[in-house]
C-alpha atoms as a PDB file:
ATOM      1  CA  MET A   1     -19.515 -26.990 -22.495  1.00  0.00           C
ATOM      2  CA  LYS A   2     -16.556 -24.948 -21.206  1.00  0.00           C
ATOM      3  CA  LYS A   3     -18.458 -21.823 -22.193  1.00  0.00           C
ATOM      4  CA  TYR A   4     -21.294 -22.640 -19.772  1.00  0.00           C
ATOM      5  CA  LEU A   5     -19.231 -23.735 -16.761  1.00  0.00           C
ATOM      6  CA  PRO A   6     -18.782 -20.216 -15.299  1.00  0.00           C
ATOM      7  CA  THR A   7     -22.536 -19.639 -15.572  1.00  0.00           C
ATOM      8  CA  ILE A   8     -23.315 -22.951 -13.885  1.00  0.00           C
ATOM      9  CA  ALA A   9     -20.769 -22.278 -11.121  1.00  0.00           C
ATOM     10  CA  GLY A  10     -22.110 -18.732 -10.642  1.00  0.00           C
ATOM     11  CA  VAL A  11     -25.696 -19.944 -10.364  1.00  0.00           C
ATOM     12  CA  LEU A  12     -24.754 -22.703  -7.899  1.00  0.00           C
ATOM     13  CA  LEU A  13     -22.694 -20.337  -5.756  1.00  0.00           C
ATOM     14  CA  GLY A  14     -25.357 -17.641  -5.832  1.00  0.00           C
ATOM     15  CA  LEU A  15     -28.139 -20.070  -4.929  1.00  0.00           C
ATOM     16  CA  CYS A  16     -26.106 -21.513  -2.039  1.00  0.00           C
ATOM     17  CA  PHE A  17     -25.674 -18.058  -0.524  1.00  0.00           C
ATOM     18  CA  LEU A  18     -29.275 -17.069  -1.170  1.00  0.00           C
ATOM     19  CA  ALA A  19     -30.466 -20.285   0.483  1.00  0.00           C
ATOM     20  CA  ALA A  20     -28.271 -19.536   3.507  1.00  0.00           C
ATOM     21  CA  SER A  21     -29.098 -15.842   3.876  1.00  0.00           C
ATOM     22  CA  VAL A  22     -32.779 -15.363   3.026  1.00  0.00           C
ATOM     23  CA  PRO A  23     -34.213 -17.595   5.801  1.00  0.00           C
ATOM     24  CA  VAL A  24     -32.089 -15.894   8.470  1.00  0.00           C
ATOM     25  CA  LEU A  25     -32.619 -12.319   7.254  1.00  0.00           C
ATOM     26  CA  PHE A  26     -36.387 -12.690   6.998  1.00  0.00           C
ATOM     27  CA  ASN A  27     -36.737 -14.791  10.195  1.00  0.00           C
ATOM     28  CA  LEU A  28     -38.124 -17.801   8.309  1.00  0.00           C
ATOM     29  CA  VAL A  29     -36.170 -20.271  10.463  1.00  0.00           C
ATOM     30  CA  ALA A  30     -35.068 -20.309  14.053  1.00  0.00           C
ATOM     31  CA  ILE A  31     -31.342 -20.371  14.686  1.00  0.00           C
ATOM     32  CA  PRO A  32     -30.618 -23.850  16.085  1.00  0.00           C
ATOM     33  CA  ASN A  33     -29.395 -24.240  19.638  1.00  0.00           C
ATOM     34  CA  LEU A  34     -25.899 -25.642  19.779  1.00  0.00           C
ATOM     35  CA  PRO A  35     -24.717 -27.937  22.590  1.00  0.00           C
ATOM     36  CA  GLU A  36     -23.987 -25.731  25.575  1.00  0.00           C
ATOM     37  CA  GLY A  37     -20.367 -25.127  26.467  1.00  0.00           C
ATOM     38  CA  THR A  38     -19.011 -25.942  23.013  1.00  0.00           C
ATOM     39  CA  PRO A  39     -16.798 -23.440  21.179  1.00  0.00           C
ATOM     40  CA  ALA A  40     -19.444 -23.128  18.461  1.00  0.00           C
ATOM     41  CA  ALA A  41     -22.092 -22.219  21.069  1.00  0.00           C
ATOM     42  CA  HIS A  42     -19.812 -19.550  22.557  1.00  0.00           C
ATOM     43  CA  PHE A  43     -19.089 -18.194  19.087  1.00  0.00           C
ATOM     44  CA  MET A  44     -22.767 -17.972  18.167  1.00  0.00           C
ATOM     45  CA  ALA A  45     -23.625 -16.497  21.580  1.00  0.00           C
ATOM     46  CA  ALA A  46     -21.423 -13.535  20.666  1.00  0.00           C
ATOM     47  CA  PHE A  47     -22.387 -13.480  17.009  1.00  0.00           C
ATOM     48  CA  VAL A  48     -26.205 -13.540  17.089  1.00  0.00           C
ATOM     49  CA  PRO A  49     -27.309 -11.025  19.789  1.00  0.00           C
ATOM     50  CA  THR A  50     -24.975  -8.292  18.544  1.00  0.00           C
ATOM     51  CA  GLY A  51     -26.549  -8.234  15.076  1.00  0.00           C
ATOM     52  CA  TYR A  52     -23.303  -9.282  13.433  1.00  0.00           C
ATOM     53  CA  LEU A  53     -24.970 -12.402  11.997  1.00  0.00           C
ATOM     54  CA  LYS A  54     -27.544 -10.263  10.157  1.00  0.00           C
ATOM     55  CA  PHE A  55     -24.698  -8.041   8.907  1.00  0.00           C
ATOM     56  CA  VAL A  56     -22.879 -11.041   7.424  1.00  0.00           C
ATOM     57  CA  LYS A  57     -26.112 -12.498   6.013  1.00  0.00           C
ATOM     58  CA  PHE A  58     -26.797  -9.171   4.284  1.00  0.00           C
ATOM     59  CA  PHE A  59     -23.441  -9.425   2.488  1.00  0.00           C
ATOM     60  CA  GLU A  60     -24.193 -13.060   1.647  1.00  0.00           C
ATOM     61  CA  LEU A  61     -27.488 -11.983   0.079  1.00  0.00           C
ATOM     62  CA  ILE A  62     -25.982  -9.116  -1.944  1.00  0.00           C
ATOM     63  CA  GLY A  63     -22.945 -11.195  -2.972  1.00  0.00           C
ATOM     64  CA  GLY A  64     -25.153 -14.150  -3.918  1.00  0.00           C
ATOM     65  CA  LEU A  65     -27.351 -11.941  -6.097  1.00  0.00           C
ATOM     66  CA  LEU A  66     -24.327 -10.333  -7.777  1.00  0.00           C
ATOM     67  CA  VAL A  67     -22.689 -13.692  -8.498  1.00  0.00           C
ATOM     68  CA  LEU A  68     -25.865 -14.790 -10.287  1.00  0.00           C
ATOM     69  CA  ILE A  69     -25.479 -11.929 -12.783  1.00  0.00           C
ATOM     70  CA  PRO A  70     -22.516 -12.588 -15.132  1.00  0.00           C
ATOM     71  CA  ARG A  71     -21.788  -8.889 -15.720  1.00  0.00           C
ATOM     72  CA  VAL A  72     -21.175  -8.172 -12.005  1.00  0.00           C
ATOM     73  CA  ARG A  73     -20.025 -11.653 -10.935  1.00  0.00           C
ATOM     74  CA  ASN A  74     -16.531 -10.473  -9.986  1.00  0.00           C
ATOM     75  CA  LEU A  75     -17.922  -7.811  -7.653  1.00  0.00           C
ATOM     76  CA  GLY A  76     -20.007 -10.539  -6.022  1.00  0.00           C
ATOM     77  CA  LEU A  77     -16.880 -12.663  -5.609  1.00  0.00           C
ATOM     78  CA  LEU A  78     -15.126  -9.735  -3.940  1.00  0.00           C
ATOM     79  CA  LEU A  79     -17.993  -9.404  -1.457  1.00  0.00           C
ATOM     80  CA  LEU A  80     -18.219 -13.151  -0.822  1.00  0.00           C
ATOM     81  CA  GLY A  81     -14.471 -13.774  -0.507  1.00  0.00           C
ATOM     82  CA  PRO A  82     -14.140 -12.704   3.146  1.00  0.00           C
ATOM     83  CA  VAL A  83     -17.395 -14.480   4.012  1.00  0.00           C
ATOM     84  CA  ILE A  84     -16.142 -17.728   2.468  1.00  0.00           C
ATOM     85  CA  VAL A  85     -12.820 -17.448   4.306  1.00  0.00           C
ATOM     86  CA  ASN A  86     -14.698 -16.928   7.591  1.00  0.00           C
ATOM     87  CA  ILE A  87     -16.964 -19.912   6.928  1.00  0.00           C
ATOM     88  CA  ILE A  88     -13.931 -22.118   6.331  1.00  0.00           C
ATOM     89  CA  ALA A  89     -12.152 -20.696   9.393  1.00  0.00           C
ATOM     90  CA  PHE A  90     -15.221 -21.378  11.547  1.00  0.00           C
ATOM     91  CA  HIS A  91     -15.378 -25.003  10.423  1.00  0.00           C
ATOM     92  CA  VAL A  92     -11.638 -25.546  10.854  1.00  0.00           C
ATOM     93  CA  LEU A  93     -11.001 -23.628  14.070  1.00  0.00           C
ATOM     94  CA  VAL A  94     -14.266 -23.469  16.011  1.00  0.00           C
ATOM     95  CA  ASP A  95     -16.547 -26.267  14.838  1.00  0.00           C
ATOM     96  CA  ASP A  96     -15.774 -29.946  14.688  1.00  0.00           C
ATOM     97  CA  PRO A  97     -13.419 -30.492  11.695  1.00  0.00           C
ATOM     98  CA  LYS A  98     -15.456 -33.504  10.595  1.00  0.00           C
ATOM     99  CA  HIS A  99     -18.123 -31.004   9.500  1.00  0.00           C
ATOM    100  CA  LEU A 100     -15.765 -29.898   6.722  1.00  0.00           C
ATOM    101  CA  VAL A 101     -17.259 -32.725   4.670  1.00  0.00           C
ATOM    102  CA  ASN A 102     -20.449 -30.790   4.016  1.00  0.00           C
ATOM    103  CA  PRO A 103     -22.011 -30.776   0.530  1.00  0.00           C
ATOM    104  CA  MET A 104     -22.984 -27.103   0.608  1.00  0.00           C
ATOM    105  CA  LEU A 105     -19.562 -26.030   1.883  1.00  0.00           C
ATOM    106  CA  ASP A 106     -17.885 -28.175  -0.768  1.00  0.00           C
ATOM    107  CA  ILE A 107     -20.017 -26.616  -3.524  1.00  0.00           C
ATOM    108  CA  ILE A 108     -19.204 -23.123  -2.255  1.00  0.00           C
ATOM    109  CA  ILE A 109     -15.453 -23.771  -2.158  1.00  0.00           C
ATOM    110  CA  VAL A 110     -15.281 -25.486  -5.563  1.00  0.00           C
ATOM    111  CA  CYS A 111     -17.483 -22.925  -7.345  1.00  0.00           C
ATOM    112  CA  ALA A 112     -15.716 -19.926  -5.803  1.00  0.00           C
ATOM    113  CA  LEU A 113     -12.271 -21.281  -6.659  1.00  0.00           C
ATOM    114  CA  TYR A 114     -13.361 -22.108 -10.201  1.00  0.00           C
ATOM    115  CA  LEU A 115     -14.851 -18.640 -10.724  1.00  0.00           C
ATOM    116  CA  LEU A 116     -11.718 -16.997  -9.339  1.00  0.00           C
ATOM    117  CA  TRP A 117      -9.590 -19.117 -11.655  1.00  0.00           C
ATOM    118  CA  ASP A 118     -11.828 -18.291 -14.613  1.00  0.00           C
ATOM    119  CA  ALA A 119     -11.579 -14.537 -13.924  1.00  0.00           C
ATOM    120  CA  ARG A 120      -7.911 -14.565 -12.883  1.00  0.00           C
ATOM    121  CA  LYS A 121      -6.917 -12.145 -15.666  1.00  0.00           C
ATOM    122  CA  LYS A 122      -9.489  -9.604 -14.495  1.00  0.00           C
ATOM    123  CA  PHE A 123      -8.362  -9.945 -10.863  1.00  0.00           C
ATOM    124  CA  SER A 124      -4.656  -9.694 -11.754  1.00  0.00           C
ATOM    125  CA  GLY A 125      -4.912  -5.894 -11.637  1.00  0.00           C
ATOM    126  CA  LEU A 126      -5.600  -6.120  -7.891  1.00  0.00           C
ATOM    127  CA  LEU A 127      -2.283  -7.871  -7.371  1.00  0.00           C
ATOM    128  CA  ASN A 128      -0.089  -5.410  -9.274  1.00  0.00           C
END
């Protein structure tokens, strides 16, 4: 079973990012309106019209696809690392902290941490 855990975590992480990026990149869903005057609404008001949201979603798409492929999974983790940190920072600093209990966010954090732990020997060269 231990042999299949990295594959399962990679597929879950990749699918989470594909599910979050494809609808936005291909305009399949409308971006929801947030309550006016909230920090999240101000954040998104700066984020969406500038095209920065599409930029981030592009990296989510590429990183999600790379994480699905075991041979290039670590490159996908390198692309998704800053995105994951920004997602967590948004939920902690800008959004209501009670939204931290979010199944998709929890899956992303657990899978990413597990995959980083599993590949820690390969990433150790970055720290030397």
